[in-house]
Amino acid sequence: LSEEELKLFSLRGAAISHCPNSNFSLCSGVLNVQKVLKHNVKL
């Protein structure tokens, strides 16, 4: 997600589910949890 998208998540009060096992197992990516929390997005 871009900064702009995280701002929209925060504005709408939408939440993110962090699934690190799957992200690593399928080589999908790494979620930057601290960045998400800095944007005041529920996680």
All heavy atoms as atom14 arrays in JSON, in Angstrom:
{
  "sequence": "LSEEELKLFSLRGAAISHCPNSNFSLCSGVLNVQKVLKHNVKL",
  "atom14_mask": [
    [1, 1, 1, 1, 1, 1, 1, 1, 0, 0, 0, 0, 0, 0],
    [1, 1, 1, 1, 1, 1, 0, 0, 0, 0, 0, 0, 0, 0],
    [1, 1, 1, 1, 1, 1, 1, 1, 1, 0, 0, 0, 0, 0],
    [1, 1, 1, 1, 1, 1, 1, 1, 1, 0, 0, 0, 0, 0],
    [1, 1, 1, 1, 1, 1, 1, 1, 1, 0, 0, 0, 0, 0],
    [1, 1, 1, 1, 1, 1, 1, 1, 0, 0, 0, 0, 0, 0],
    [1, 1, 1, 1, 1, 1, 1, 1, 1, 0, 0, 0, 0, 0],
    [1, 1, 1, 1, 1, 1, 1, 1, 0, 0, 0, 0, 0, 0],
    [1, 1, 1, 1, 1, 1, 1, 1, 1, 1, 1, 0, 0, 0],
    [1, 1, 1, 1, 1, 1, 0, 0, 0, 0, 0, 0, 0, 0],
    [1, 1, 1, 1, 1, 1, 1, 1, 0, 0, 0, 0, 0, 0],
    [1, 1, 1, 1, 1, 1, 1, 1, 1, 1, 1, 0, 0, 0],
    [1, 1, 1, 1, 0, 0, 0, 0, 0, 0, 0, 0, 0, 0],
    [1, 1, 1, 1, 1, 0, 0, 0, 0, 0, 0, 0, 0, 0],
    [1, 1, 1, 1, 1, 0, 0, 0, 0, 0, 0, 0, 0, 0],
    [1, 1, 1, 1, 1, 1, 1, 1, 0, 0, 0, 0, 0, 0],
    [1, 1, 1, 1, 1, 1, 0, 0, 0, 0, 0, 0, 0, 0],
    [1, 1, 1, 1, 1, 1, 1, 1, 1, 1, 0, 0, 0, 0],
    [1, 1, 1, 1, 1, 1, 0, 0, 0, 0, 0, 0, 0, 0],
    [1, 1, 1, 1, 1, 1, 1, 0, 0, 0, 0, 0, 0, 0],
    [1, 1, 1, 1, 1, 1, 1, 1, 0, 0, 0, 0, 0, 0],
    [1, 1, 1, 1, 1, 1, 0, 0, 0, 0, 0, 0, 0, 0],
    [1, 1, 1, 1, 1, 1, 1, 1, 0, 0, 0, 0, 0, 0],
    [1, 1, 1, 1, 1, 1, 1, 1, 1, 1, 1, 0, 0, 0],
    [1, 1, 1, 1, 1, 1, 0, 0, 0, 0, 0, 0, 0, 0],
    [1, 1, 1, 1, 1, 1, 1, 1, 0, 0, 0, 0, 0, 0],
    [1, 1, 1, 1, 1, 1, 0, 0, 0, 0, 0, 0, 0, 0],
    [1, 1, 1, 1, 1, 1, 0, 0, 0, 0, 0, 0, 0, 0],
    [1, 1, 1, 1, 0, 0, 0, 0, 0, 0, 0, 0, 0, 0],
    [1, 1, 1, 1, 1, 1, 1, 0, 0, 0, 0, 0, 0, 0],
    [1, 1, 1, 1, 1, 1, 1, 1, 0, 0, 0, 0, 0, 0],
    [1, 1, 1, 1, 1, 1, 1, 1, 0, 0, 0, 0, 0, 0],
    [1, 1, 1, 1, 1, 1, 1, 0, 0, 0, 0, 0, 0, 0],
    [1, 1, 1, 1, 1, 1, 1, 1, 1, 0, 0, 0, 0, 0],
    [1, 1, 1, 1, 1, 1, 1, 1, 1, 0, 0, 0, 0, 0],
    [1, 1, 1, 1, 1, 1, 1, 0, 0, 0, 0, 0, 0, 0],
    [1, 1, 1, 1, 1, 1, 1, 1, 0, 0, 0, 0, 0, 0],
    [1, 1, 1, 1, 1, 1, 1, 1, 1, 0, 0, 0, 0, 0],
    [1, 1, 1, 1, 1, 1, 1, 1, 1, 1, 0, 0, 0, 0],
    [1, 1, 1, 1, 1, 1, 1, 1, 0, 0, 0, 0, 0, 0],
    [1, 1, 1, 1, 1, 1, 1, 0, 0, 0, 0, 0, 0, 0],
    [1, 1, 1, 1, 1, 1, 1, 1, 1, 0, 0, 0, 0, 0],
    [1, 1, 1, 1, 1, 1, 1, 1, 0, 0, 0, 0, 0, 0]
  ],
  "atom14_positions": [
    [[0.83, -1.21, 0.0], [0.0, 0.0, 0.0], [0.87, 1.26, 0.0], [1.87, 1.34, 0.71], [-0.93, 0.04, 1.22], [-2.04, -1.02, 1.3], [-2.92, -0.74, 2.51], [-2.87, -1.08, 0.04], [0.0, 0.0, 0.0], [0.0, 0.0, 0.0], [0.0, 0.0, 0.0], [0.0, 0.0, 0.0], [0.0, 0.0, 0.0], [0.0, 0.0, 0.0]],
    [[0.46, 2.25, -0.76], [1.16, 3.54, -0.79], [0.74, 4.38, 0.41], [-0.24, 4.06, 1.1], [0.8, 4.29, -2.08], [-0.6, 4.59, -2.06], [0.0, 0.0, 0.0], [0.0, 0.0, 0.0], [0.0, 0.0, 0.0], [0.0, 0.0, 0.0], [0.0, 0.0, 0.0], [0.0, 0.0, 0.0], [0.0, 0.0, 0.0], [0.0, 0.0, 0.0]],
    [[1.45, 5.48, 0.64], [1.09, 6.41, 1.72], [-0.35, 6.88, 1.55], [-1.13, 6.97, 2.5], [2.01, 7.65, 1.68], [3.49, 7.37, 1.87], [3.88, 7.22, 3.34], [3.21, 7.82, 4.19], [4.84, 6.47, 3.61], [0.0, 0.0, 0.0], [0.0, 0.0, 0.0], [0.0, 0.0, 0.0], [0.0, 0.0, 0.0], [0.0, 0.0, 0.0]],
    [[-0.69, 7.2, 0.3], [-2.02, 7.7, -0.03], [-3.09, 6.66, 0.35], [-4.14, 6.99, 0.92], [-2.04, 7.94, -1.55], [-3.22, 8.72, -2.06], [-3.16, 8.82, -3.6], [-2.25, 8.25, -4.23], [-4.04, 9.48, -4.14], [0.0, 0.0, 0.0], [0.0, 0.0, 0.0], [0.0, 0.0, 0.0], [0.0, 0.0, 0.0], [0.0, 0.0, 0.0]],
    [[-2.8, 5.39, 0.06], [-3.76, 4.33, 0.38], [-3.88, 4.14, 1.9], [-4.98, 3.95, 2.42], [-3.32, 3.02, -0.29], [-3.52, 3.03, -1.8], [-2.99, 1.77, -2.45], [-1.75, 1.65, -2.58], [-3.79, 0.9, -2.83], [0.0, 0.0, 0.0], [0.0, 0.0, 0.0], [0.0, 0.0, 0.0], [0.0, 0.0, 0.0], [0.0, 0.0, 0.0]],
    [[-2.76, 4.22, 2.6], [-2.81, 4.09, 4.07], [-3.63, 5.22, 4.68], [-4.37, 5.02, 5.64], [-1.4, 4.04, 4.65], [-0.65, 2.72, 4.46], [0.82, 2.86, 4.84], [-1.29, 1.59, 5.28], [0.0, 0.0, 0.0], [0.0, 0.0, 0.0], [0.0, 0.0, 0.0], [0.0, 0.0, 0.0], [0.0, 0.0, 0.0], [0.0, 0.0, 0.0]],
    [[-3.49, 6.42, 4.11], [-4.28, 7.56, 4.61], [-5.77, 7.29, 4.42], [-6.59, 7.63, 5.28], [-3.88, 8.85, 3.89], [-2.59, 9.45, 4.42], [-2.18, 10.7, 3.68], [-0.8, 11.16, 4.17], [-0.03, 11.83, 3.11], [0.0, 0.0, 0.0], [0.0, 0.0, 0.0], [0.0, 0.0, 0.0], [0.0, 0.0, 0.0], [0.0, 0.0, 0.0]],
    [[-6.12, 6.69, 3.29], [-7.53, 6.38, 3.02], [-8.04, 5.3, 3.99], [-9.16, 5.39, 4.5], [-7.7, 5.93, 1.56], [-9.12, 5.78, 1.02], [-9.98, 7.02, 1.29], [-9.1, 5.47, -0.47], [0.0, 0.0, 0.0], [0.0, 0.0, 0.0], [0.0, 0.0, 0.0], [0.0, 0.0, 0.0], [0.0, 0.0, 0.0], [0.0, 0.0, 0.0]],
    [[-7.21, 4.29, 4.26], [-7.56, 3.28, 5.28], [-7.85, 3.96, 6.61], [-8.85, 3.66, 7.27], [-6.41, 2.27, 5.45], [-6.59, 0.99, 4.69], [-6.34, 0.94, 3.33], [-7.02, -0.16, 5.33], [-6.5, -0.25, 2.61], [-7.19, -1.35, 4.63], [-6.93, -1.4, 3.26], [0.0, 0.0, 0.0], [0.0, 0.0, 0.0], [0.0, 0.0, 0.0]],
    [[-6.97, 4.86, 7.0], [-7.12, 5.56, 8.28], [-8.4, 6.4, 8.3], [-9.17, 6.38, 9.26], [-5.9, 6.44, 8.53], [-6.02, 7.09, 9.76], [0.0, 0.0, 0.0], [0.0, 0.0, 0.0], [0.0, 0.0, 0.0], [0.0, 0.0, 0.0], [0.0, 0.0, 0.0], [0.0, 0.0, 0.0], [0.0, 0.0, 0.0], [0.0, 0.0, 0.0]],
    [[-8.64, 7.11, 7.21], [-9.82, 7.97, 7.09], [-11.1, 7.16, 7.21], [-12.06, 7.57, 7.87], [-9.76, 8.69, 5.74], [-10.82, 9.76, 5.46], [-10.62, 10.94, 6.4], [-10.73, 10.22, 4.0], [0.0, 0.0, 0.0], [0.0, 0.0, 0.0], [0.0, 0.0, 0.0], [0.0, 0.0, 0.0], [0.0, 0.0, 0.0], [0.0, 0.0, 0.0]],
    [[-11.12, 6.0, 6.58], [-12.34, 5.17, 6.6], [-12.46, 4.32, 7.87], [-13.49, 3.72, 8.12], [-12.35, 4.22, 5.39], [-12.4, 4.93, 4.06], [-13.78, 5.5, 3.74], [-13.78, 6.12, 2.43], [-13.72, 7.44, 2.2], [-13.68, 8.28, 3.22], [-13.73, 7.91, 0.97], [0.0, 0.0, 0.0], [0.0, 0.0, 0.0], [0.0, 0.0, 0.0]],
    [[-11.38, 4.24, 8.65], [-11.4, 3.38, 9.84], [-11.29, 1.91, 9.51], [-11.66, 1.05, 10.31], [0.0, 0.0, 0.0], [0.0, 0.0, 0.0], [0.0, 0.0, 0.0], [0.0, 0.0, 0.0], [0.0, 0.0, 0.0], [0.0, 0.0, 0.0], [0.0, 0.0, 0.0], [0.0, 0.0, 0.0], [0.0, 0.0, 0.0], [0.0, 0.0, 0.0]],
    [[-10.79, 1.59, 8.31], [-10.64, 0.19, 7.89], [-9.38, -0.42, 8.51], [-8.44, 0.29, 8.86], [-10.57, 0.1, 6.37], [0.0, 0.0, 0.0], [0.0, 0.0, 0.0], [0.0, 0.0, 0.0], [0.0, 0.0, 0.0], [0.0, 0.0, 0.0], [0.0, 0.0, 0.0], [0.0, 0.0, 0.0], [0.0, 0.0, 0.0], [0.0, 0.0, 0.0]],
    [[-9.4, -1.74, 8.64], [-8.3, -2.44, 9.34], [-7.52, -3.33, 8.38], [-8.0, -3.72, 7.31], [-8.87, -3.29, 10.47], [0.0, 0.0, 0.0], [0.0, 0.0, 0.0], [0.0, 0.0, 0.0], [0.0, 0.0, 0.0], [0.0, 0.0, 0.0], [0.0, 0.0, 0.0], [0.0, 0.0, 0.0], [0.0, 0.0, 0.0], [0.0, 0.0, 0.0]],
    [[-6.31, -3.69, 8.82], [-5.44, -4.6, 8.07], [-5.16, -5.83, 8.92], [-4.95, -5.73, 10.14], [-4.12, -3.88, 7.69], [-4.39, -2.84, 6.59], [-3.03, -4.87, 7.25], [-3.23, -1.91, 6.3], [0.0, 0.0, 0.0], [0.0, 0.0, 0.0], [0.0, 0.0, 0.0], [0.0, 0.0, 0.0], [0.0, 0.0, 0.0], [0.0, 0.0, 0.0]],
    [[-5.17, -6.99, 8.25], [-4.76, -8.24, 8.9], [-3.36, -8.59, 8.4], [-3.16, -8.82, 7.21], [-5.72, -9.37, 8.56], [-5.2, -10.6, 9.04], [0.0, 0.0, 0.0], [0.0, 0.0, 0.0], [0.0, 0.0, 0.0], [0.0, 0.0, 0.0], [0.0, 0.0, 0.0], [0.0, 0.0, 0.0], [0.0, 0.0, 0.0], [0.0, 0.0, 0.0]],
    [[-2.41, -8.6, 9.33], [-1.01, -8.92, 8.99], [-0.82, -10.42, 9.09], [-1.03, -11.01, 10.15], [-0.1, -8.18, 10.0], [1.35, -8.47, 9.84], [1.97, -8.64, 8.63], [2.34, -8.61, 10.8], [3.27, -8.86, 8.82], [3.51, -8.86, 10.12], [0.0, 0.0, 0.0], [0.0, 0.0, 0.0], [0.0, 0.0, 0.0], [0.0, 0.0, 0.0]],
    [[-0.44, -11.05, 7.96], [-0.31, -12.51, 7.88], [1.12, -12.88, 7.49], [1.38, -13.31, 6.35], [-1.3, -13.06, 6.86], [-3.0, -12.56, 7.15], [0.0, 0.0, 0.0], [0.0, 0.0, 0.0], [0.0, 0.0, 0.0], [0.0, 0.0, 0.0], [0.0, 0.0, 0.0], [0.0, 0.0, 0.0], [0.0, 0.0, 0.0], [0.0, 0.0, 0.0]],
    [[2.09, -12.72, 8.41], [3.49, -12.85, 8.02], [3.9, -14.26, 7.57], [4.74, -14.4, 6.68], [4.25, -12.43, 9.28], [3.28, -12.6, 10.41], [1.93, -12.36, 9.83], [0.0, 0.0, 0.0], [0.0, 0.0, 0.0], [0.0, 0.0, 0.0], [0.0, 0.0, 0.0], [0.0, 0.0, 0.0], [0.0, 0.0, 0.0], [0.0, 0.0, 0.0]],
    [[3.31, -15.31, 8.17], [3.7, -16.65, 7.74], [3.41, -16.83, 6.25], [4.26, -17.27, 5.48], [2.94, -17.7, 8.57], [3.4, -19.13, 8.27], [3.6, -19.5, 7.12], [3.57, -19.92, 9.31], [0.0, 0.0, 0.0], [0.0, 0.0, 0.0], [0.0, 0.0, 0.0], [0.0, 0.0, 0.0], [0.0, 0.0, 0.0], [0.0, 0.0, 0.0]],
    [[2.21, -16.47, 5.85], [1.82, -16.58, 4.44], [2.67, -15.67, 3.55], [3.1, -16.08, 2.46], [0.34, -16.21, 4.32], [-0.04, -16.12, 2.98], [0.0, 0.0, 0.0], [0.0, 0.0, 0.0], [0.0, 0.0, 0.0], [0.0, 0.0, 0.0], [0.0, 0.0, 0.0], [0.0, 0.0, 0.0], [0.0, 0.0, 0.0], [0.0, 0.0, 0.0]],
    [[2.93, -14.46, 4.02], [3.74, -13.53, 3.21], [5.12, -14.11, 2.9], [5.64, -13.95, 1.8], [3.9, -12.19, 3.94], [2.59, -11.44, 4.05], [1.64, -11.72, 3.33], [2.52, -10.48, 4.96], [0.0, 0.0, 0.0], [0.0, 0.0, 0.0], [0.0, 0.0, 0.0], [0.0, 0.0, 0.0], [0.0, 0.0, 0.0], [0.0, 0.0, 0.0]],
    [[5.71, -14.79, 3.89], [7.01, -15.43, 3.69], [6.88, -16.73, 2.89], [7.65, -17.0, 1.98], [7.69, -15.75, 5.03], [8.25, -14.55, 5.74], [7.97, -14.31, 7.07], [9.09, -13.65, 5.08], [8.49, -13.2, 7.74], [9.63, -12.55, 5.73], [9.32, -12.32, 7.07], [0.0, 0.0, 0.0], [0.0, 0.0, 0.0], [0.0, 0.0, 0.0]],
    [[5.88, -17.56, 3.24], [5.76, -18.88, 2.63], [5.52, -18.8, 1.13], [6.04, -19.62, 0.37], [4.62, -19.67, 3.28], [4.92, -19.89, 4.64], [0.0, 0.0, 0.0], [0.0, 0.0, 0.0], [0.0, 0.0, 0.0], [0.0, 0.0, 0.0], [0.0, 0.0, 0.0], [0.0, 0.0, 0.0], [0.0, 0.0, 0.0], [0.0, 0.0, 0.0]],
    [[4.69, -17.84, 0.7], [4.4, -17.69, -0.73], [5.28, -16.61, -1.37], [5.05, -16.22, -2.51], [2.91, -17.36, -0.94], [1.89, -18.35, -0.38], [0.48, -17.9, -0.71], [2.12, -19.76, -0.89], [0.0, 0.0, 0.0], [0.0, 0.0, 0.0], [0.0, 0.0, 0.0], [0.0, 0.0, 0.0], [0.0, 0.0, 0.0], [0.0, 0.0, 0.0]],
    [[6.27, -16.13, -0.61], [7.17, -15.07, -1.09], [6.39, -13.87, -1.64], [6.7, -13.35, -2.73], [8.11, -15.61, -2.18], [9.35, -16.71, -1.5], [0.0, 0.0, 0.0], [0.0, 0.0, 0.0], [0.0, 0.0, 0.0], [0.0, 0.0, 0.0], [0.0, 0.0, 0.0], [0.0, 0.0, 0.0], [0.0, 0.0, 0.0], [0.0, 0.0, 0.0]],
    [[5.39, -13.45, -0.91], [4.52, -12.37, -1.39], [5.09, -10.98, -1.13], [5.06, -10.11, -1.99], [3.15, -12.48, -0.72], [2.51, -13.68, -1.07], [0.0, 0.0, 0.0], [0.0, 0.0, 0.0], [0.0, 0.0, 0.0], [0.0, 0.0, 0.0], [0.0, 0.0, 0.0], [0.0, 0.0, 0.0], [0.0, 0.0, 0.0], [0.0, 0.0, 0.0]],
    [[5.61, -10.78, 0.09], [6.12, -9.46, 0.46], [6.25, -9.36, 1.97], [5.98, -10.33, 2.68], [0.0, 0.0, 0.0], [0.0, 0.0, 0.0], [0.0, 0.0, 0.0], [0.0, 0.0, 0.0], [0.0, 0.0, 0.0], [0.0, 0.0, 0.0], [0.0, 0.0, 0.0], [0.0, 0.0, 0.0], [0.0, 0.0, 0.0], [0.0, 0.0, 0.0]],
    [[6.65, -8.19, 2.45], [6.79, -7.97, 3.89], [6.0, -6.71, 4.25], [6.27, -5.65, 3.69], [8.27, -7.8, 4.3], [8.39, -7.61, 5.81], [9.09, -9.01, 3.85], [0.0, 0.0, 0.0], [0.0, 0.0, 0.0], [0.0, 0.0, 0.0], [0.0, 0.0, 0.0], [0.0, 0.0, 0.0], [0.0, 0.0, 0.0], [0.0, 0.0, 0.0]],
    [[5.05, -6.85, 5.13], [4.27, -5.67, 5.55], [5.07, -4.87, 6.58], [5.58, -5.44, 7.56], [2.94, -6.1, 6.17], [2.09, -4.93, 6.71], [1.56, -4.07, 5.58], [0.95, -5.44, 7.57], [0.0, 0.0, 0.0], [0.0, 0.0, 0.0], [0.0, 0.0, 0.0], [0.0, 0.0, 0.0], [0.0, 0.0, 0.0], [0.0, 0.0, 0.0]],
    [[5.15, -3.56, 6.36], [5.81, -2.69, 7.33], [4.79, -2.27, 8.39], [4.08, -1.28, 8.25], [6.4, -1.47, 6.62], [7.3, -0.67, 7.54], [7.16, -0.69, 8.76], [8.25, 0.05, 6.95], [0.0, 0.0, 0.0], [0.0, 0.0, 0.0], [0.0, 0.0, 0.0], [0.0, 0.0, 0.0], [0.0, 0.0, 0.0], [0.0, 0.0, 0.0]],
    [[4.7, -3.07, 9.45], [3.69, -2.87, 10.49], [3.83, -1.5, 11.15], [2.84, -0.81, 11.4], [3.79, -4.0, 11.55], [2.97, -3.67, 12.79], [3.33, -5.32, 10.95], [0.0, 0.0, 0.0], [0.0, 0.0, 0.0], [0.0, 0.0, 0.0], [0.0, 0.0, 0.0], [0.0, 0.0, 0.0], [0.0, 0.0, 0.0], [0.0, 0.0, 0.0]],
    [[5.07, -1.09, 11.41], [5.26, 0.2, 12.1], [4.75, 1.36, 11.26], [4.15, 2.31, 11.79], [6.73, 0.39, 12.46], [7.11, -0.46, 13.67], [8.59, -0.76, 13.7], [9.12, -1.38, 12.79], [9.26, -0.32, 14.74], [0.0, 0.0, 0.0], [0.0, 0.0, 0.0], [0.0, 0.0, 0.0], [0.0, 0.0, 0.0], [0.0, 0.0, 0.0]],
    [[4.94, 1.26, 9.95], [4.43, 2.3, 9.05], [2.89, 2.34, 9.07], [2.28, 3.41, 9.12], [4.93, 2.0, 7.62], [4.6, 3.07, 6.59], [5.33, 2.72, 5.3], [4.66, 3.33, 4.09], [5.26, 2.82, 2.85], [0.0, 0.0, 0.0], [0.0, 0.0, 0.0], [0.0, 0.0, 0.0], [0.0, 0.0, 0.0], [0.0, 0.0, 0.0]],
    [[2.28, 1.17, 9.08], [0.82, 1.08, 9.14], [0.31, 1.72, 10.44], [-0.63, 2.53, 10.43], [0.35, -0.4, 9.07], [-1.13, -0.53, 9.38], [0.66, -0.99, 7.69], [0.0, 0.0, 0.0], [0.0, 0.0, 0.0], [0.0, 0.0, 0.0], [0.0, 0.0, 0.0], [0.0, 0.0, 0.0], [0.0, 0.0, 0.0], [0.0, 0.0, 0.0]],
    [[0.96, 1.38, 11.56], [0.53, 1.91, 12.86], [0.76, 3.42, 12.94], [-0.02, 4.13, 13.57], [1.24, 1.17, 14.0], [0.91, -0.34, 14.11], [1.74, -0.99, 15.19], [-0.58, -0.57, 14.36], [0.0, 0.0, 0.0], [0.0, 0.0, 0.0], [0.0, 0.0, 0.0], [0.0, 0.0, 0.0], [0.0, 0.0, 0.0], [0.0, 0.0, 0.0]],
    [[1.84, 3.91, 12.32], [2.1, 5.37, 12.3], [0.98, 6.11, 11.58], [0.69, 7.27, 11.88], [3.43, 5.67, 11.61], [4.63, 5.53, 12.54], [5.9, 6.18, 11.95], [7.12, 5.87, 12.81], [7.91, 4.76, 12.27], [0.0, 0.0, 0.0], [0.0, 0.0, 0.0], [0.0, 0.0, 0.0], [0.0, 0.0, 0.0], [0.0, 0.0, 0.0]],
    [[0.35, 5.43, 10.61], [-0.77, 6.05, 9.9], [-2.09, 5.89, 10.67], [-3.15, 6.21, 10.15], [-0.92, 5.46, 8.49], [0.02, 6.05, 7.49], [1.3, 5.58, 7.31], [-0.13, 7.09, 6.64], [1.9, 6.3, 6.36], [1.05, 7.22, 5.95], [0.0, 0.0, 0.0], [0.0, 0.0, 0.0], [0.0, 0.0, 0.0], [0.0, 0.0, 0.0]],
    [[-1.98, 5.34, 11.88], [-3.15, 5.17, 12.73], [-4.21, 4.26, 12.09], [-5.4, 4.53, 12.16], [-3.75, 6.56, 13.04], [-4.51, 6.54, 14.35], [-4.26, 5.69, 15.21], [-5.46, 7.43, 14.5], [0.0, 0.0, 0.0], [0.0, 0.0, 0.0], [0.0, 0.0, 0.0], [0.0, 0.0, 0.0], [0.0, 0.0, 0.0], [0.0, 0.0, 0.0]],
    [[-3.72, 3.19, 11.46], [-4.61, 2.19, 10.87], [-4.7, 1.01, 11.83], [-3.69, 0.55, 12.36], [-4.08, 1.73, 9.49], [-4.94, 0.6, 8.92], [-4.04, 2.9, 8.51], [0.0, 0.0, 0.0], [0.0, 0.0, 0.0], [0.0, 0.0, 0.0], [0.0, 0.0, 0.0], [0.0, 0.0, 0.0], [0.0, 0.0, 0.0], [0.0, 0.0, 0.0]],
    [[-5.92, 0.54, 12.07], [-6.11, -0.61, 12.96], [-5.46, -1.84, 12.34], [-5.57, -2.07, 11.14], [-7.61, -0.89, 13.15], [-8.37, 0.22, 13.85], [-9.86, -0.08, 13.99], [-10.56, -0.13, 12.67], [-12.04, -0.16, 12.78], [0.0, 0.0, 0.0], [0.0, 0.0, 0.0], [0.0, 0.0, 0.0], [0.0, 0.0, 0.0], [0.0, 0.0, 0.0]],
    [[-4.8, -2.65, 13.19], [-4.08, -3.8, 12.66], [-4.14, -4.98, 13.63], [-3.89, -4.83, 14.82], [-2.62, -3.41, 12.38], [-1.78, -4.5, 11.72], [-1.07, -3.97, 10.49], [-0.75, -5.06, 12.68], [0.0, 0.0, 0.0], [0.0, 0.0, 0.0], [0.0, 0.0, 0.0], [0.0, 0.0, 0.0], [0.0, 0.0, 0.0], [0.0, 0.0, 0.0]]
  ]
}
